[in-house]
Structure formats: C-alpha cells, structure tokens
C-alpha cells in the first residue's frame, strides 16, 4: 500500500465522522443535526458539550476544572452520570467507536494503533488529501466553505472537546463496563498527539517545548502515542497536562 493509499483511507475516516456531524445536512439530512448542533426541532448532542449562545455547558466547565486539577469534589464524574449528558456521550461514543473499528480495525492490535495515530497526525497537520467532493457541495456563502475542502481540526478547543466526550462516556458507563478501554485509550492518545502536532505546526497555542514542526517530533509523538494508547489513564493525564500548558503555559508535572 502506498502513502497515497494511506492518505485516502485516513481522509475517509474523518469524512465519515464529519458527514454525521458538521456536514449532516449534506450527507445525513434525516438526522436533523442529531450528532451536531441540531436543526428542524432537533437539539443536537454537541450542544450538551460545546459552548454556545447560552454559554458553556456545565460538563464542559467541569471537565476544564478536572483537567486543571481544580475538581477535588468530583463534579465532573457526577455531571457525567446525569441525563441527558450521559446518554449523549454514550451515543457519540458509539458513533466514533464504530468508525474507528470500520476504518482501522481492533485497537487491541499494535498495528491498528500505529495506523490510527498516523491518521491523527495527518489531520492535525492538515496534510491529508483534499475533500474536493465535499467542498463542491457546500454552497457559496456557507461559513463552512473556507474549510470544507480540508480534513483537519482548526478550532483548538475541539481537540479537547473530543477528550471531554471520551472521558464523559467512560464515566457514564460506570465501573465494570470497560470493554472499550482500548478504544478510549487510543482516542485519548490521538487527542494528545493531535493537539501537540497541531499547535507545534500552527504556533497558535502553547504545547510542550520539545515539540516542533519536524520529522523528529512526528516520530516522538508516534512513540509516545503508542505508549499512551495502551494506558487509558496515562493518556487522559497527558491530555490534561497539555490543556494546562495551553491555559497556563506550564504543567503541574514534569514532561513524560
């Protein structure tokens, strides 16, 4: 398989996720924005996690406090178990987990983990093949037109919202239901490596000082990501530290 083949496979994964979320009106109008911000009477699951006109949702604020080490009372765990947040997180988790298994395979396998992390790096550095078909379907004047032709994540907070959703799903599932441990560890490892690669390339947010936009960083993130992808708690901790660096310019612990 050639690098071009890999790039098309990786782009297909992100295309599928985006088809159910941001571009639902083009690819899945029957959902009425259910997996995104809603529409036509549908509230949309994402409104429970992402700040909107009414301000930041409680679970979003609780995750930020948790990531910053400011949640000694466990507000995040409590809110994650409450409805409708718990059901929304589990439904979004189902969507992402199905897509990961469909496009990559079983994350219990090292080769699958490595493949997924390469895909995340391509997304984070905006080096995946162009989404020309999608760009052609977004009408002129649509605010999504500027980014419709690319498979990347521009809003830096959306990386952390991804982590929020994964951590909420884990908390909502409760103890004794950890059958997705490998998937969740890989997803959080992807967030950790993705934010680092994106911030290092764009220079728009702070990340670890050793990260640069170069081949050495790409290999470093792949190596670290492979370790985090086998330990869900370590992966979550790294995401939290990267959020601390984004917010404060420093972390509460030493580098990994």
Protein backbone atom coordinates (compact mmCIF):
# COMPACT_ATOMS: atom_id res chain seq x y z
CA UNK A 1 0.00 0.00 0.00
CA UNK A 2 1.37 3.42 -0.96
CA UNK A 3 1.40 6.60 1.16
CA UNK A 4 -1.29 7.96 -1.16
CA UNK A 5 -3.49 4.94 -0.39
CA UNK A 6 -2.99 5.52 3.33
CA UNK A 7 -3.87 9.19 2.96
CA UNK A 8 -7.13 8.35 1.20
CA UNK A 9 -8.01 5.81 3.89
CA UNK A 10 -7.32 8.32 6.64
CA UNK A 11 -9.33 11.00 4.88
CA UNK A 12 -12.24 8.57 4.54
CA UNK A 13 -12.34 8.12 8.32
CA UNK A 14 -12.55 11.84 9.03
CA UNK A 15 -15.01 12.28 6.16
CA UNK A 16 -17.34 9.76 7.78
CA UNK A 17 -17.23 11.47 11.16
CA UNK A 18 -17.79 14.88 9.58
CA UNK A 19 -20.62 13.52 7.44
CA UNK A 20 -22.59 12.67 10.58
CA UNK A 21 -21.67 15.87 12.42
CA UNK A 22 -20.68 19.18 10.81
CA UNK A 23 -21.92 18.26 7.32
CA UNK A 24 -25.00 16.31 8.34
CA UNK A 25 -27.26 18.48 6.15
CA UNK A 26 -25.37 17.31 3.05
CA UNK A 27 -24.84 13.62 3.84
CA UNK A 28 -27.39 12.68 6.51
CA UNK A 29 -30.27 15.18 6.42
CA UNK A 30 -32.51 12.54 8.01
CA UNK A 31 -30.66 13.10 11.32
CA UNK A 32 -31.65 16.79 11.52
CA UNK A 33 -28.27 17.52 13.10
CA UNK A 34 -28.72 14.97 15.89
CA UNK A 35 -24.97 14.33 16.24
CA UNK A 36 -24.09 18.00 15.87
CA UNK A 37 -25.80 21.25 16.89
CA UNK A 38 -29.29 20.24 15.83
CA UNK A 39 -31.83 21.69 13.43
CA UNK A 40 -35.51 21.32 12.49
CA UNK A 41 -36.57 20.77 16.09
CA UNK A 42 -33.57 18.58 16.99
CA UNK A 43 -31.44 19.93 19.84
CA UNK A 44 -28.24 18.19 18.78
CA UNK A 45 -25.94 16.19 21.05
CA UNK A 46 -22.99 18.53 20.65
CA UNK A 47 -24.89 21.38 22.31
CA UNK A 48 -24.52 19.49 25.59
CA UNK A 49 -20.72 19.69 25.37
CA UNK A 50 -19.67 22.77 23.38
CA UNK A 51 -20.17 26.40 24.44
CA UNK A 52 -22.95 28.14 22.52
CA UNK A 53 -25.02 31.33 22.70
CA UNK A 54 -26.23 30.36 26.18
CA UNK A 55 -22.67 29.93 27.43
CA UNK A 56 -20.56 26.87 28.30
CA UNK A 57 -22.43 23.70 29.36
CA UNK A 58 -21.79 22.54 32.94
CA UNK A 59 -19.99 19.35 31.82
CA UNK A 60 -17.61 21.44 29.68
CA UNK A 61 -16.75 23.67 32.64
CA UNK A 62 -16.41 20.65 34.95
CA UNK A 63 -14.00 18.95 32.51
CA UNK A 64 -11.86 22.09 32.35
CA UNK A 65 -11.64 22.18 36.14
CA UNK A 66 -10.80 18.48 36.18
CA UNK A 67 -8.06 18.89 33.57
CA UNK A 68 -6.60 21.81 35.51
CA UNK A 69 -6.62 19.85 38.77
CA UNK A 70 -9.32 22.07 40.27
CA UNK A 71 -12.09 19.49 40.75
CA UNK A 72 -11.42 17.87 44.15
CA UNK A 73 -15.10 17.27 44.75
CA UNK A 74 -15.62 15.17 41.63
CA UNK A 75 -18.13 17.47 39.92
CA UNK A 76 -17.17 16.04 36.54
CA UNK A 77 -17.97 12.45 37.49
CA UNK A 78 -21.30 13.47 38.98
CA UNK A 79 -22.37 15.52 35.95
CA UNK A 80 -21.20 12.83 33.52
CA UNK A 81 -23.58 10.35 35.12
CA UNK A 82 -26.61 12.64 34.84
CA UNK A 83 -29.08 12.79 31.95
CA UNK A 84 -29.18 13.89 29.21
CA UNK A 85 -25.37 14.20 29.23
CA UNK A 86 -24.70 10.53 29.94
CA UNK A 87 -26.86 9.21 27.09
CA UNK A 88 -25.49 11.81 24.68
CA UNK A 89 -21.89 10.91 25.48
CA UNK A 90 -22.56 7.19 25.04
CA UNK A 91 -24.30 7.77 21.72
CA UNK A 92 -21.44 9.89 20.40
CA UNK A 93 -19.04 7.25 21.69
CA UNK A 94 -20.91 4.57 19.72
CA UNK A 95 -20.59 6.64 16.55
CA UNK A 96 -16.85 7.22 16.89
CA UNK A 97 -16.06 3.68 18.01
CA UNK A 98 -17.92 2.19 15.05
CA UNK A 99 -15.98 4.44 12.69
CA UNK A 100 -12.62 3.56 14.25
CA UNK A 101 -13.29 -0.17 14.03
CA UNK A 102 -14.64 0.14 10.48
CA UNK A 103 -11.70 2.12 9.09
CA UNK A 104 -8.81 0.78 11.19
CA UNK A 105 -9.73 -2.45 12.97
CA UNK A 106 -9.27 -3.68 16.53
CA UNK A 107 -7.26 -1.18 18.62
CA UNK A 108 -6.02 -4.04 20.79
CA UNK A 109 -3.59 -4.67 17.89
CA UNK A 110 -0.41 -2.59 17.81
CA UNK A 111 -0.53 -2.17 14.02
CA UNK A 112 -4.03 -0.68 14.27
CA UNK A 113 -2.95 1.75 16.97
CA UNK A 114 0.04 2.88 14.89
CA UNK A 115 -2.13 3.33 11.80
CA UNK A 116 -4.71 5.40 13.68
CA UNK A 117 -2.06 7.68 15.19
CA UNK A 118 -0.61 8.32 11.74
CA UNK A 119 -4.08 9.32 10.58
CA UNK A 120 -4.44 11.72 13.51
CA UNK A 121 -1.09 13.30 12.70
CA UNK A 122 -2.20 13.87 9.12
CA UNK A 123 -5.40 15.51 10.33
CA UNK A 124 -3.59 17.65 12.90
CA UNK A 125 -1.02 18.91 10.39
CA UNK A 126 -3.56 19.35 7.57
CA UNK A 127 -1.66 17.03 5.22
CA UNK A 128 -4.46 14.64 4.23
CA UNK A 129 -5.88 14.61 0.68
CA UNK A 130 -8.27 17.42 -0.14
CA UNK A 131 -12.02 16.92 0.34
CA UNK A 132 -12.83 18.15 -3.15
CA UNK A 133 -16.20 16.43 -3.45
CA UNK A 134 -17.41 17.91 -0.18
CA UNK A 135 -16.11 21.37 -0.98
CA UNK A 136 -18.05 21.32 -4.24
CA UNK A 137 -21.27 20.55 -2.38
CA UNK A 138 -21.01 23.36 0.15
CA UNK A 139 -22.88 26.34 -1.35
CA UNK A 140 -21.34 29.81 -1.76
CA UNK A 141 -21.76 31.96 1.30
CA UNK A 142 -21.86 28.98 3.66
CA UNK A 143 -19.48 29.72 6.57
CA UNK A 144 -18.09 26.18 6.23
CA UNK A 145 -16.88 26.84 2.70
CA UNK A 146 -13.44 28.01 3.86
CA UNK A 147 -12.61 24.67 5.48
CA UNK A 148 -14.88 22.23 3.62
CA UNK A 149 -12.07 21.14 1.32
CA UNK A 150 -9.78 20.00 4.13
CA UNK A 151 -9.72 17.15 6.66
CA UNK A 152 -8.42 18.92 9.74
CA UNK A 153 -9.46 20.44 13.07
CA UNK A 154 -8.99 24.19 13.15
CA UNK A 155 -10.65 25.15 16.42
CA UNK A 156 -8.09 24.11 19.01
CA UNK A 157 -10.72 23.62 21.72
CA UNK A 158 -12.43 20.97 19.60
CA UNK A 159 -9.50 18.63 20.26
CA UNK A 160 -10.21 18.92 23.96
CA UNK A 161 -13.95 18.55 23.42
CA UNK A 162 -13.12 15.20 21.83
CA UNK A 163 -11.33 14.23 25.05
CA UNK A 164 -14.27 15.56 27.08
CA UNK A 165 -16.67 13.30 25.18
CA UNK A 166 -14.47 10.22 25.63
CA UNK A 167 -13.98 10.85 29.34
CA UNK A 168 -17.69 11.55 29.81
CA UNK A 169 -18.59 8.28 28.07
CA UNK A 170 -16.20 6.38 30.34
CA UNK A 171 -17.68 7.98 33.43
CA UNK A 172 -21.25 7.46 32.21
CA UNK A 173 -20.65 3.76 31.53
CA UNK A 174 -19.61 3.29 35.13
CA UNK A 175 -17.35 0.71 36.79
CA UNK A 176 -17.36 -2.79 35.43
CA UNK A 177 -18.16 -1.70 31.86
CA UNK A 178 -14.72 -1.10 30.45
CA UNK A 179 -14.96 -3.16 27.26
CA UNK A 180 -13.90 -0.12 25.25
CA UNK A 181 -10.75 0.54 27.22
CA UNK A 182 -8.52 0.05 24.17
CA UNK A 183 -10.67 2.31 22.01
CA UNK A 184 -10.79 5.03 24.63
CA UNK A 185 -7.07 4.88 25.30
CA UNK A 186 -6.38 5.18 21.58
CA UNK A 187 -8.83 8.06 21.19
CA UNK A 188 -7.21 9.99 24.06
CA UNK A 189 -3.73 9.21 22.75
CA UNK A 190 -4.92 10.64 19.43
CA UNK A 191 -6.06 13.83 21.15
CA UNK A 192 -2.72 14.13 22.96
CA UNK A 193 -0.65 13.67 19.81
CA UNK A 194 -3.07 15.64 17.63
CA UNK A 195 -3.10 18.77 19.77
CA UNK A 196 0.66 18.65 20.08
CA UNK A 197 1.19 18.32 16.33
CA UNK A 198 -1.41 20.96 15.50
CA UNK A 199 -0.11 23.51 18.00
CA UNK A 200 3.52 22.88 17.08
CA UNK A 201 2.83 23.41 13.40
CA UNK A 202 0.47 26.37 13.72
CA UNK A 203 2.18 28.07 16.66
CA UNK A 204 -1.24 29.40 17.69
CA UNK A 205 -1.32 27.67 21.09
CA UNK A 206 1.27 26.60 23.62
CA UNK A 207 2.40 22.99 23.85
CA UNK A 208 5.41 21.12 25.22
CA UNK A 209 8.66 22.92 24.44
CA UNK A 210 10.23 19.86 22.77
CA UNK A 211 7.57 19.72 20.07
CA UNK A 212 8.39 21.25 16.69
CA UNK A 213 7.03 21.06 13.16
CA UNK A 214 9.56 18.49 12.00
CA UNK A 215 10.16 14.79 11.36
CA UNK A 216 11.74 14.26 14.79
CA UNK A 217 8.58 15.48 16.54
CA UNK A 218 6.42 13.32 14.32
CA UNK A 219 8.37 10.23 15.42
CA UNK A 220 8.42 11.36 19.05
CA UNK A 221 4.65 11.79 19.07
CA UNK A 222 4.16 8.42 17.40
CA UNK A 223 6.33 6.72 20.03
CA UNK A 224 4.64 8.48 22.93
CA UNK A 225 1.20 7.94 21.41
CA UNK A 226 1.81 4.21 21.19
CA UNK A 227 2.56 4.13 24.92
CA UNK A 228 -0.44 6.24 25.87
CA UNK A 229 -2.70 4.12 23.64
CA UNK A 230 -2.06 1.16 25.95
CA UNK A 231 -2.89 3.03 29.16
CA UNK A 232 -6.13 4.99 29.22
CA UNK A 233 -5.34 6.74 32.50
CA UNK A 234 -1.93 7.86 31.26
CA UNK A 235 -3.49 9.08 28.01
CA UNK A 236 -6.09 11.13 29.88
CA UNK A 237 -3.41 12.55 32.19
CA UNK A 238 -1.36 13.68 29.20
CA UNK A 239 -4.37 15.40 27.64
CA UNK A 240 -4.97 17.20 30.93
CA UNK A 241 -1.34 18.35 31.08
CA UNK A 242 -1.48 19.65 27.53
CA UNK A 243 -4.60 21.59 28.47
CA UNK A 244 -2.76 23.03 31.46
CA UNK A 245 0.03 24.17 29.13
CA UNK A 246 -2.50 25.70 26.76
CA UNK A 247 -4.12 27.62 29.61
CA UNK A 248 -1.16 28.45 31.86
CA UNK A 249 1.96 27.87 29.78
CA UNK A 250 3.11 25.20 32.20
CA UNK A 251 2.06 21.87 33.63
CA UNK A 252 1.83 20.62 37.19
CA UNK A 253 4.23 17.74 36.43
CA UNK A 254 7.41 17.15 34.51
CA UNK A 255 7.38 16.15 30.83
CA UNK A 256 6.65 12.48 30.04
